[in-house]
Amino acid sequence: MDKTYSPIHSWRDKRYLRFYEIVDLIVDELQNARPEKGGKAVKRKSRGARFESLTYSVEKIIRDCVAVVFQRKRIQAASIAKSYSHYPADRDDKRLSYKITVKRAYEGMIALGYIEEVKKGFFDRTFSIGRPSKSALTRYEATSKLIDLFSEQEQKCLPALLPPKIVPELIIARRRVETAKGSKRERLSFRETEETTQMRENLKKINRVLSEHWYDLELDDEEHQYFLKQMVSKEAQDNGRKYNLDLRQIHLYRVFNDEKLQTGGRFYGGWWQQISREYRRKLIVGGKRMIEYDYSNMHPAMLYHLEGLMPPEDTYTKVIAEYFPEHENNREPLRRTIKQAFNAMVNSPKILKSPPRGVRLKQYGINWKQMSEAIIESNKPIQKYFYSGYGTRLQRIDSDIAELVLLHFADMSYPVLPVHDSFLAHNGFENELNEVMALAYRKKIGYNINVNLKQVKTADHCSEENYDFGEPTTDDLDELLKAMDVGHENRLQAFRRNKYT
């Protein structure tokens, strides 16, 4: 039997056989290599579960480094955890292990010349609470030997030739705990129920639809390079860090914050969730431009509705009008700050004596005590929710609302992309998205809520000329061909060839 379709390779998608051919080629080389140990050749062929782990590890190593190679001349580094402690028995993906993934696959591919290590990882032993850790994973790149396994045409669109990044767990429960070395995420076990079974089935349906489409950014090469730089802070750039945009990271999973799955539950996993809202303006799905809708004042509205009350038209602007009227003429930046503060106050289980991270008040001449008291006084009907930790329960409710929206469009075989309380869809679905979002909220909460089209300016350095109405047309064939020979168009065409052949 052709091993491509054997049970060992049952996770493989037939659309990406070209990629799997290269994986199998390298696995065969690793299997037949005879590394020297003590002067003698040692036979180390993997079989059974170890062979599956080796194949899976090689697939992951190749996908992770090739997925960020948008064309031959632009190669970026991928990361890998080389420490034994990163592969515990209860790890998310049990097909990855230190002995196979690191020692056999990673080091073996370096020895064969398919990848090269460009920066060693390290653990920041000087880390302390209140100071960001400088720890970093090992970085590696695909070499010319690996890239040359793809044809010249394929090298123009490498991310589109790869299967989506695998999500080992669709439902995750974890919480942040404080240790002597700072905070860390602790995995939690939870009981399997009919509800968790249904959640997984829903995620499988949503992810299956997401896999049928191609997601990209409508940027030319210069804009794309600028985008990658903008996604990393100046300090991180000085430390040699770069942002890697993995377009194959499209499958969603849900993250809860407690064992009973009553808090959290939001959808994560999509690469579009990691980019700034200005760049989401340039998102295209199947070559089509998108629009983004969100709920108006969602968490404040939910709190008022839970009390059987009608919320203010705009909770955050109301605080400005009542307590900081001197900023009325330039209220938008302060409104965003109040929104951050409001959500932090609802999320925190204890009174905050200083501004939460990201809330900067000095420029407004306001101190944290004034801000906190103004928000509470302006929202007296719901003041019991501030500093209660109730925000994570609201996240569970808004994630269930999001699930309803995603399932509605998944049943139509159309992808809608979630960003917590907002959604991206092709502008042809504008009216339906608006209606479905409003209906989903009403179904869960029992009240109406406003749904708004997000009016976000395009990121600097990106041309906005004629953006809403398409690019200017031309009857010059050379110009048309040149316009088609850009990264996102090449990747889209490659994805379609894979899908329909």
Protein backbone atom coordinates (compact mmCIF):
# COMPACT_ATOMS: atom_id res chain seq x y z
CA MET A 1 0.00 0.00 0.00
CA ASP A 2 1.15 3.53 -0.76
CA LYS A 3 2.38 4.81 2.61
CA THR A 4 0.81 8.22 1.95
CA TYR A 5 -2.57 6.66 2.74
CA SER A 6 -1.49 4.23 5.46
CA PRO A 7 -2.93 4.62 8.99
CA ILE A 8 0.35 6.20 10.08
CA HIS A 9 -0.32 9.12 7.72
CA SER A 10 -4.06 9.29 8.32
CA TRP A 11 -3.88 12.98 9.37
CA ARG A 12 -2.73 14.00 5.90
CA ASP A 13 -4.83 16.09 3.55
CA LYS A 14 -4.61 14.83 -0.03
CA ARG A 15 -4.51 18.40 -1.37
CA TYR A 16 -0.93 18.77 -0.12
CA LEU A 17 0.70 15.62 -1.50
CA ARG A 18 3.53 17.70 -2.98
CA PHE A 19 4.49 18.77 0.53
CA TYR A 20 4.20 15.23 1.88
CA GLU A 21 6.45 13.93 -0.90
CA ILE A 22 9.18 16.21 0.41
CA VAL A 23 8.49 15.15 4.02
CA ASP A 24 8.80 11.47 3.04
CA LEU A 25 12.00 12.13 1.09
CA ILE A 26 13.66 13.68 4.15
CA VAL A 27 12.30 11.02 6.53
CA ASP A 28 13.81 8.34 4.28
CA GLU A 29 17.16 10.12 4.38
CA LEU A 30 17.00 10.33 8.16
CA GLN A 31 16.09 6.66 8.38
CA ASN A 32 18.98 5.62 6.13
CA ALA A 33 21.57 7.95 7.66
CA ARG A 34 24.26 6.22 9.67
CA PRO A 35 25.46 8.63 12.35
CA GLU A 36 28.81 7.79 13.88
CA LYS A 37 28.91 7.00 17.59
CA GLY A 38 32.09 5.76 19.23
CA GLY A 39 33.60 5.17 15.84
CA LYS A 40 30.92 2.69 14.79
CA ALA A 41 27.91 3.09 12.55
CA VAL A 42 24.70 2.72 14.57
CA LYS A 43 21.50 1.54 12.95
CA ARG A 44 18.66 3.70 14.28
CA LYS A 45 15.64 3.16 12.06
CA SER A 46 12.36 4.17 13.69
CA ARG A 47 9.32 1.94 13.40
CA GLY A 48 5.71 1.95 14.50
CA ALA A 49 4.78 4.83 16.80
CA ARG A 50 8.36 6.15 16.71
CA PHE A 51 8.20 6.30 12.91
CA GLU A 52 4.90 8.18 13.09
CA SER A 53 6.44 10.61 15.57
CA LEU A 54 9.50 11.09 13.34
CA THR A 55 7.38 11.75 10.25
CA TYR A 56 5.11 14.11 12.16
CA SER A 57 8.10 15.98 13.63
CA VAL A 58 9.76 16.41 10.22
CA GLU A 59 6.45 17.67 8.82
CA LYS A 60 6.17 20.24 11.63
CA ILE A 61 9.79 21.43 11.30
CA ILE A 62 9.45 21.92 7.54
CA ARG A 63 6.02 23.54 7.75
CA ASP A 64 7.07 25.96 10.48
CA CYS A 65 10.10 27.28 8.59
CA VAL A 66 8.69 27.17 5.06
CA ALA A 67 5.35 28.73 6.06
CA VAL A 68 7.12 32.06 6.68
CA VAL A 69 9.05 32.01 3.37
CA PHE A 70 6.80 34.17 1.22
CA GLN A 71 9.17 34.01 -1.72
CA ARG A 72 12.66 32.72 -2.34
CA LYS A 73 14.43 35.97 -1.46
CA ARG A 74 12.52 36.48 1.81
CA ILE A 75 13.42 33.82 4.37
CA GLN A 76 12.63 34.24 8.06
CA ALA A 77 13.48 32.16 11.07
CA ALA A 78 11.12 29.72 12.79
CA SER A 79 11.43 28.68 16.42
CA ILE A 80 11.77 25.35 18.22
CA ALA A 81 11.92 24.39 21.89
CA LYS A 82 15.09 22.32 22.41
CA SER A 83 14.88 21.93 26.17
CA TYR A 84 13.86 18.53 27.53
CA SER A 85 11.45 20.31 29.94
CA HIS A 86 9.35 21.54 26.98
CA TYR A 87 8.21 17.96 26.25
CA PRO A 88 6.46 16.77 29.45
CA ALA A 89 4.25 13.70 29.53
CA ASP A 90 1.09 15.85 29.60
CA ARG A 91 2.11 18.03 26.63
CA ASP A 92 -0.57 19.19 24.19
CA ASP A 93 0.72 17.19 21.24
CA LYS A 94 1.96 13.78 22.32
CA ARG A 95 3.39 13.04 18.87
CA LEU A 96 6.21 15.48 19.65
CA SER A 97 8.99 14.36 21.98
CA TYR A 98 12.49 15.43 22.91
CA LYS A 99 14.20 12.27 21.66
CA ILE A 100 12.41 12.14 18.31
CA THR A 101 11.53 15.78 17.54
CA VAL A 102 14.75 17.41 18.74
CA LYS A 103 17.43 14.70 18.64
CA ARG A 104 16.32 12.70 15.58
CA ALA A 105 14.38 15.13 13.38
CA TYR A 106 15.78 18.59 14.14
CA GLU A 107 19.44 17.68 14.62
CA GLY A 108 19.22 15.15 11.80
CA MET A 109 17.89 17.75 9.35
CA ILE A 110 20.69 20.12 10.33
CA ALA A 111 23.23 17.34 9.66
CA LEU A 112 21.62 16.71 6.25
CA GLY A 113 21.77 20.43 5.41
CA TYR A 114 18.02 21.09 5.12
CA ILE A 115 17.85 23.60 7.97
CA GLU A 116 20.36 25.69 9.85
CA GLU A 117 20.32 27.06 13.37
CA VAL A 118 20.65 30.84 13.25
CA LYS A 119 20.29 31.75 16.93
CA LYS A 120 20.56 29.62 20.04
CA GLY A 121 17.82 29.84 22.61
CA PHE A 122 18.43 30.67 26.24
CA PHE A 123 16.68 30.88 29.59
CA ASP A 124 16.66 34.22 31.37
CA ARG A 125 17.78 33.31 34.91
CA THR A 126 17.61 36.96 36.02
CA PHE A 127 13.86 37.10 35.39
CA SER A 128 11.81 38.69 38.16
CA ILE A 129 8.16 39.68 38.67
CA GLY A 130 7.40 43.01 37.04
CA ARG A 131 10.14 42.71 34.40
CA PRO A 132 9.57 41.02 31.03
CA SER A 133 11.55 37.81 30.56
CA LYS A 134 14.24 37.83 27.89
CA SER A 135 14.11 34.06 27.45
CA ALA A 136 13.98 32.99 23.81
CA LEU A 137 13.52 29.80 21.82
CA THR A 138 16.12 28.54 19.37
CA ARG A 139 15.66 29.98 15.87
CA TYR A 140 16.29 28.11 12.63
CA GLU A 141 15.82 28.69 8.90
CA ALA A 142 15.20 26.63 5.79
CA THR A 143 18.36 26.33 3.69
CA SER A 144 18.63 26.54 -0.09
CA LYS A 145 18.77 22.74 -0.14
CA LEU A 146 15.26 22.56 1.37
CA ILE A 147 13.83 25.44 -0.68
CA ASP A 148 15.24 23.95 -3.90
CA LEU A 149 13.10 20.85 -3.41
CA PHE A 150 10.26 23.10 -4.59
CA SER A 151 10.07 24.27 -8.20
CA GLU A 152 10.82 27.87 -9.17
CA GLN A 153 7.11 28.58 -9.54
CA GLU A 154 6.33 26.95 -6.19
CA GLN A 155 8.93 29.13 -4.50
CA LYS A 156 6.77 32.18 -5.26
CA CYS A 157 3.93 30.86 -3.10
CA LEU A 158 5.36 28.44 -0.53
CA PRO A 159 2.87 29.09 2.33
CA ALA A 160 -0.02 28.05 0.07
CA LEU A 161 1.55 24.63 -0.56
CA LEU A 162 1.42 23.62 3.09
CA PRO A 163 -1.42 22.10 5.13
CA PRO A 164 -2.87 24.23 7.95
CA LYS A 165 -0.95 24.33 11.20
CA ILE A 166 -2.17 21.50 13.41
CA VAL A 167 -4.12 22.31 16.57
CA PRO A 168 -3.56 19.37 18.96
CA GLU A 169 -6.25 20.38 21.49
CA LEU A 170 -9.53 22.05 20.54
CA ILE A 171 -10.49 22.79 24.16
CA ILE A 172 -7.90 24.01 26.65
CA ALA A 173 -8.35 24.94 30.32
CA ARG A 174 -5.56 26.85 32.01
CA ARG A 175 -4.95 29.62 34.51
CA ARG A 176 -2.11 31.96 35.32
CA VAL A 177 -0.36 31.32 38.63
CA GLU A 178 2.34 33.31 40.39
CA THR A 179 5.63 31.62 41.29
CA ALA A 180 8.92 32.80 42.73
CA LYS A 181 10.15 33.20 39.16
CA GLY A 182 7.09 35.12 37.99
CA SER A 183 3.78 34.06 36.49
CA LYS A 184 3.20 30.97 34.38
CA ARG A 185 0.28 29.21 32.74
CA GLU A 186 -0.89 26.07 34.50
CA ARG A 187 -2.88 23.46 32.59
CA LEU A 188 -6.13 22.32 34.22
CA SER A 189 -7.96 19.04 33.79
CA PHE A 190 -11.71 19.11 33.19
CA ARG A 191 -14.48 16.55 33.02
CA GLU A 192 -15.68 15.46 29.61
CA THR A 193 -19.40 16.07 29.17
CA GLU A 194 -21.99 16.27 26.41
CA GLU A 195 -21.23 19.97 26.29
CA THR A 196 -17.48 19.50 25.65
CA THR A 197 -18.26 16.86 23.03
CA GLN A 198 -20.56 19.32 21.26
CA MET A 199 -17.97 22.10 21.51
CA ARG A 200 -15.42 19.91 19.75
CA GLU A 201 -17.87 18.93 17.03
CA ASN A 202 -18.69 22.59 16.48
CA LEU A 203 -15.00 23.51 16.26
CA LYS A 204 -14.36 20.69 13.80
CA LYS A 205 -17.15 22.00 11.58
CA ILE A 206 -15.87 25.59 11.79
CA ASN A 207 -12.25 24.57 11.15
CA ARG A 208 -13.27 22.37 8.23
CA VAL A 209 -14.83 25.40 6.54
CA LEU A 210 -11.83 27.60 7.38
CA SER A 211 -9.56 25.03 5.67
CA GLU A 212 -11.42 25.46 2.39
CA HIS A 213 -10.33 29.08 1.88
CA TRP A 214 -7.15 31.13 1.53
CA TYR A 215 -6.41 34.08 3.84
CA ASP A 216 -3.83 36.74 3.05
CA LEU A 217 -2.94 40.42 3.29
CA GLU A 218 -3.26 42.62 0.22
CA LEU A 219 0.22 44.10 0.51
CA ASP A 220 2.97 44.50 -2.03
CA ASP A 221 6.52 43.39 -1.14
CA GLU A 222 7.57 46.75 0.29
CA GLU A 223 4.41 47.06 2.39
CA HIS A 224 4.80 43.48 3.59
CA GLN A 225 8.33 44.11 4.84
CA TYR A 226 7.17 47.27 6.61
CA PHE A 227 4.31 45.32 8.21
CA LEU A 228 6.67 42.68 9.64
CA LYS A 229 8.80 45.40 11.23
CA GLN A 230 5.78 47.19 12.70
CA MET A 231 4.66 44.00 14.45
CA VAL A 232 7.78 43.93 16.66
CA SER A 233 8.72 46.55 19.23
CA LYS A 234 11.93 48.54 18.84
CA GLU A 235 13.37 46.82 21.93
CA ALA A 236 12.58 43.37 20.52
CA GLN A 237 14.12 44.33 17.16
CA ASP A 238 17.28 45.43 18.96
CA ASN A 239 17.38 41.96 20.57
CA GLY A 240 17.24 40.38 17.13
CA ARG A 241 13.60 39.29 17.20
CA LYS A 242 11.43 39.30 14.08
CA TYR A 243 7.73 38.74 13.56
CA ASN A 244 6.79 35.67 11.57
CA LEU A 245 3.45 35.72 9.80
CA ASP A 246 2.32 32.09 9.41
CA LEU A 247 -0.58 32.13 6.97
CA ARG A 248 -1.25 28.44 7.65
CA GLN A 249 -2.28 29.23 11.25
CA ILE A 250 -6.05 29.21 10.64
CA HIS A 251 -7.58 26.55 12.89
CA LEU A 252 -9.40 27.76 16.00
CA TYR A 253 -9.51 26.40 19.54
CA ARG A 254 -11.15 27.61 22.76
CA VAL A 255 -9.33 28.55 25.98
CA PHE A 256 -11.10 28.44 29.35
CA ASN A 257 -9.84 29.72 32.70
CA ASP A 258 -11.22 27.14 35.14
CA GLU A 259 -11.88 23.40 35.50
CA LYS A 260 -15.66 23.80 35.17
CA LEU A 261 -15.34 25.82 31.93
CA GLN A 262 -17.43 28.65 33.33
CA THR A 263 -14.94 31.41 32.57
CA GLY A 264 -13.09 32.37 29.40
CA GLY A 265 -13.78 30.15 26.41
CA ARG A 266 -12.81 32.59 23.67
CA PHE A 267 -11.61 31.45 20.25
CA TYR A 268 -7.88 31.63 19.49
CA GLY A 269 -5.54 30.30 16.81
CA GLY A 270 -6.12 32.47 13.74
CA TRP A 271 -3.17 34.55 12.51
CA TRP A 272 -5.50 37.49 11.79
CA GLN A 273 -6.06 37.81 15.56
CA GLN A 274 -2.37 38.67 16.05
CA ILE A 275 -2.18 41.64 13.71
CA SER A 276 -3.25 45.21 14.42
CA ARG A 277 -6.73 46.36 13.48
CA GLU A 278 -5.24 48.77 10.93
CA TYR A 279 -3.72 45.85 9.02
CA ARG A 280 -6.90 43.78 9.29
CA ARG A 281 -8.27 46.41 6.89
CA LYS A 282 -6.03 44.78 4.26
CA LEU A 283 -7.22 41.22 4.93
CA ILE A 284 -8.48 39.30 1.90
CA VAL A 285 -10.15 35.88 1.84
CA GLY A 286 -10.13 34.08 -1.48
CA GLY A 287 -8.93 37.35 -3.00
CA LYS A 288 -11.99 39.23 -1.68
CA ARG A 289 -11.79 42.20 0.66
CA MET A 290 -13.40 42.00 4.07
CA ILE A 291 -15.44 44.17 6.41
CA GLU A 292 -15.40 43.98 10.22
CA TYR A 293 -18.39 44.33 12.55
CA ASP A 294 -18.32 44.47 16.34
CA TYR A 295 -20.77 44.81 19.21
CA SER A 296 -21.20 48.28 20.68
CA ASN A 297 -20.01 48.48 24.31
CA MET A 298 -20.46 44.72 24.59
CA HIS A 299 -19.36 43.97 28.17
CA PRO A 300 -20.90 47.11 29.72
CA ALA A 301 -24.13 46.36 27.84
CA MET A 302 -24.09 42.75 29.09
CA LEU A 303 -23.68 43.89 32.71
CA TYR A 304 -26.60 46.33 32.46
CA HIS A 305 -28.74 43.70 30.72
CA LEU A 306 -27.91 41.12 33.40
CA GLU A 307 -29.39 43.60 35.90
CA GLY A 308 -32.48 44.04 33.73
CA LEU A 309 -31.47 47.61 32.84
CA MET A 310 -30.88 49.49 29.61
CA PRO A 311 -27.25 50.56 29.19
CA PRO A 312 -26.06 54.06 28.25
CA GLU A 313 -25.67 54.65 24.54
CA ASP A 314 -21.88 54.78 25.03
CA THR A 315 -20.63 53.87 28.50
CA TYR A 316 -17.09 55.17 27.94
CA THR A 317 -18.06 58.54 26.43
CA LYS A 318 -20.51 59.04 29.32
CA VAL A 319 -17.56 58.92 31.77
CA ILE A 320 -15.82 61.69 29.80
CA ALA A 321 -18.92 63.87 29.65
CA GLU A 322 -19.58 63.54 33.38
CA TYR A 323 -16.09 63.62 34.88
CA PHE A 324 -13.56 64.78 32.28
CA PRO A 325 -15.43 67.32 30.11
CA GLU A 326 -12.22 69.27 29.45
CA HIS A 327 -11.23 66.43 27.07
CA GLU A 328 -14.53 66.45 25.16
CA ASN A 329 -12.98 68.01 22.04
CA ASN A 330 -10.37 65.26 21.74
CA ARG A 331 -12.17 62.40 23.37
CA GLU A 332 -11.36 59.38 21.18
CA PRO A 333 -7.91 58.59 22.67
CA LEU A 334 -9.27 59.02 26.20
CA ARG A 335 -12.31 56.90 25.34
CA ARG A 336 -10.00 54.02 24.36
CA THR A 337 -8.13 54.42 27.65
CA ILE A 338 -11.40 54.37 29.63
CA LYS A 339 -12.46 51.23 27.79
CA GLN A 340 -9.20 49.52 28.79
CA ALA A 341 -9.59 50.66 32.38
CA PHE A 342 -13.26 49.59 32.56
CA ASN A 343 -12.50 46.06 31.35
CA ALA A 344 -9.49 45.74 33.65
CA MET A 345 -11.63 46.77 36.63
CA VAL A 346 -14.29 44.17 35.80
CA ASN A 347 -11.69 41.46 35.17
CA SER A 348 -9.65 42.06 38.33
CA PRO A 349 -10.71 40.09 41.45
CA LYS A 350 -9.24 42.78 43.71
CA ILE A 351 -8.99 46.57 43.81
CA LEU A 352 -6.21 47.89 41.60
CA LYS A 353 -4.10 50.53 43.33
CA SER A 354 -2.26 51.50 40.15
CA PRO A 355 -3.16 51.59 36.45
CA PRO A 356 -3.16 48.20 34.71
CA ARG A 357 -0.59 47.60 31.99
CA GLY A 358 -1.29 49.68 28.89
CA VAL A 359 -3.43 52.29 30.63
CA ARG A 360 -1.51 55.59 30.43
CA LEU A 361 -3.09 58.57 32.17
CA LYS A 362 -0.29 61.09 32.64
CA GLN A 363 -0.96 62.80 29.32
CA TYR A 364 -4.51 63.60 30.48
CA GLY A 365 -3.52 64.93 33.90
CA ILE A 366 -5.60 62.19 35.54
CA ASN A 367 -4.39 59.78 38.22
CA TRP A 368 -5.58 56.18 38.60
CA LYS A 369 -7.72 56.85 41.69
CA GLN A 370 -9.62 59.55 39.81
CA MET A 371 -10.14 57.28 36.81
CA SER A 372 -11.31 54.30 38.87
CA GLU A 373 -13.74 56.37 40.94
CA ALA A 374 -15.13 58.14 37.85
CA ILE A 375 -15.89 54.82 36.09
CA ILE A 376 -17.59 53.39 39.18
CA GLU A 377 -19.63 56.55 39.90
CA SER A 378 -20.69 56.84 36.26
CA ASN A 379 -21.91 53.22 36.34
CA LYS A 380 -23.48 52.91 39.80
CA PRO A 381 -26.22 50.45 38.69
CA ILE A 382 -23.49 47.86 37.94
CA GLN A 383 -20.86 48.92 40.48
CA LYS A 384 -20.90 45.49 42.19
CA TYR A 385 -19.15 44.00 39.14
CA PHE A 386 -16.05 46.19 39.41
CA TYR A 387 -13.09 44.42 41.03
CA SER A 388 -15.14 41.23 41.17
CA GLY A 389 -13.30 39.16 38.56
CA TYR A 390 -16.60 38.80 36.72
CA GLY A 391 -15.04 39.72 33.38
CA THR A 392 -13.96 36.14 32.68
CA ARG A 393 -17.59 35.02 33.07
CA LEU A 394 -18.57 37.61 30.51
CA GLN A 395 -15.97 36.10 28.19
CA ARG A 396 -17.67 32.73 28.49
CA ILE A 397 -20.95 34.32 27.44
CA ASP A 398 -19.45 36.33 24.56
CA SER A 399 -17.58 33.24 23.32
CA ASP A 400 -20.85 31.27 23.21
CA ILE A 401 -22.37 34.15 21.23
CA ALA A 402 -19.39 34.01 18.87
CA GLU A 403 -19.91 30.27 18.44
CA LEU A 404 -23.49 30.86 17.25
CA VAL A 405 -22.28 33.39 14.67
CA LEU A 406 -19.49 31.13 13.39
CA LEU A 407 -21.77 28.08 13.15
CA HIS A 408 -24.40 30.01 11.19
CA PHE A 409 -21.90 30.80 8.45
CA ALA A 410 -20.14 27.41 8.70
CA ASP A 411 -23.49 25.80 7.82
CA MET A 412 -23.35 27.94 4.66
CA SER A 413 -19.74 26.76 4.05
CA TYR A 414 -18.58 30.35 4.37
CA PRO A 415 -15.78 31.45 6.69
CA VAL A 416 -16.30 34.27 9.17
CA LEU A 417 -13.20 35.17 11.17
CA PRO A 418 -13.56 35.97 14.88
CA VAL A 419 -11.55 38.55 16.82
CA HIS A 420 -13.24 38.04 20.20
CA ASP A 421 -16.30 40.35 20.01
CA SER A 422 -15.84 41.34 16.36
CA PHE A 423 -16.12 39.37 13.12
CA LEU A 424 -14.67 39.68 9.63
CA ALA A 425 -16.62 38.64 6.55
CA HIS A 426 -16.75 39.38 2.83
CA ASN A 427 -18.61 42.66 2.29
CA GLY A 428 -21.28 40.80 0.33
CA PHE A 429 -22.44 39.34 3.67
CA GLU A 430 -22.61 42.73 5.38
CA ASN A 431 -26.35 42.73 6.08
CA GLU A 432 -26.50 39.07 7.09
CA LEU A 433 -23.51 39.36 9.43
CA ASN A 434 -25.13 42.34 11.13
CA GLU A 435 -28.42 40.48 11.59
CA VAL A 436 -26.84 37.20 12.74
CA MET A 437 -24.66 38.95 15.33
CA ALA A 438 -27.68 40.82 16.74
CA LEU A 439 -29.78 37.63 16.79
CA ALA A 440 -27.05 35.62 18.54
CA TYR A 441 -26.76 38.23 21.31
CA ARG A 442 -30.53 38.38 21.74
CA LYS A 443 -30.70 34.58 21.94
CA LYS A 444 -28.12 34.42 24.75
CA ILE A 445 -28.91 37.61 26.70
CA GLY A 446 -32.55 38.35 25.90
CA TYR A 447 -31.93 41.98 24.94
CA ASN A 448 -31.05 43.90 21.79
CA ILE A 449 -27.62 45.40 21.18
CA ASN A 450 -26.20 47.67 18.49
CA VAL A 451 -23.82 46.12 15.95
CA ASN A 452 -21.39 48.51 14.28
CA LEU A 453 -19.24 48.48 11.18
CA LYS A 454 -15.72 49.16 12.40
CA GLN A 455 -14.37 52.23 10.68
CA VAL A 456 -10.63 51.73 10.94
CA LYS A 457 -8.07 53.60 8.93
CA THR A 458 -5.59 51.58 6.93
CA ALA A 459 -2.12 51.25 8.41
CA ASP A 460 0.46 53.85 7.47
CA HIS A 461 2.60 52.93 4.47
CA CYS A 462 -0.33 51.10 2.84
CA SER A 463 -1.92 52.77 -0.13
CA GLU A 464 -5.62 53.49 0.33
CA GLU A 465 -6.21 54.84 -3.18
CA ASN A 466 -9.51 53.49 -4.53
CA TYR A 467 -9.40 50.79 -1.85
CA ASP A 468 -13.14 50.48 -1.36
CA PHE A 469 -13.88 50.30 -5.06
CA GLY A 470 -11.00 48.19 -6.36
CA GLU A 471 -7.81 49.05 -8.16
CA PRO A 472 -7.92 51.15 -11.35
CA THR A 473 -8.28 48.94 -14.42
CA THR A 474 -6.08 48.97 -17.50
CA ASP A 475 -6.21 47.42 -20.95
CA ASP A 476 -2.41 47.06 -21.07
CA LEU A 477 -1.70 43.29 -20.97
CA ASP A 478 1.81 43.71 -19.55
CA GLU A 479 0.48 45.85 -16.71
CA LEU A 480 -2.26 43.33 -15.99
CA LEU A 481 0.22 40.43 -15.88
CA LYS A 482 2.54 42.42 -13.62
CA ALA A 483 -0.36 43.19 -11.27
CA MET A 484 -1.14 39.46 -11.08
CA ASP A 485 2.48 38.50 -10.31
CA VAL A 486 2.42 39.64 -6.68
CA GLY A 487 2.73 37.53 -3.56
CA HIS A 488 -0.89 37.30 -2.47
CA GLU A 489 -2.12 36.57 -6.02
CA ASN A 490 0.47 33.83 -6.53
CA ARG A 491 -0.44 32.23 -3.21
CA LEU A 492 -4.17 32.36 -3.99
CA GLN A 493 -3.71 30.73 -7.38
CA ALA A 494 -1.48 28.02 -5.88
CA PHE A 495 -4.05 27.31 -3.16
CA ARG A 496 -6.79 27.00 -5.79
CA ARG A 497 -4.70 24.63 -7.89
CA ASN A 498 -4.18 22.42 -4.84
CA LYS A 499 -7.86 22.53 -3.95
CA TYR A 500 -9.26 21.62 -7.36
CA THR A 501 -6.68 19.18 -8.69
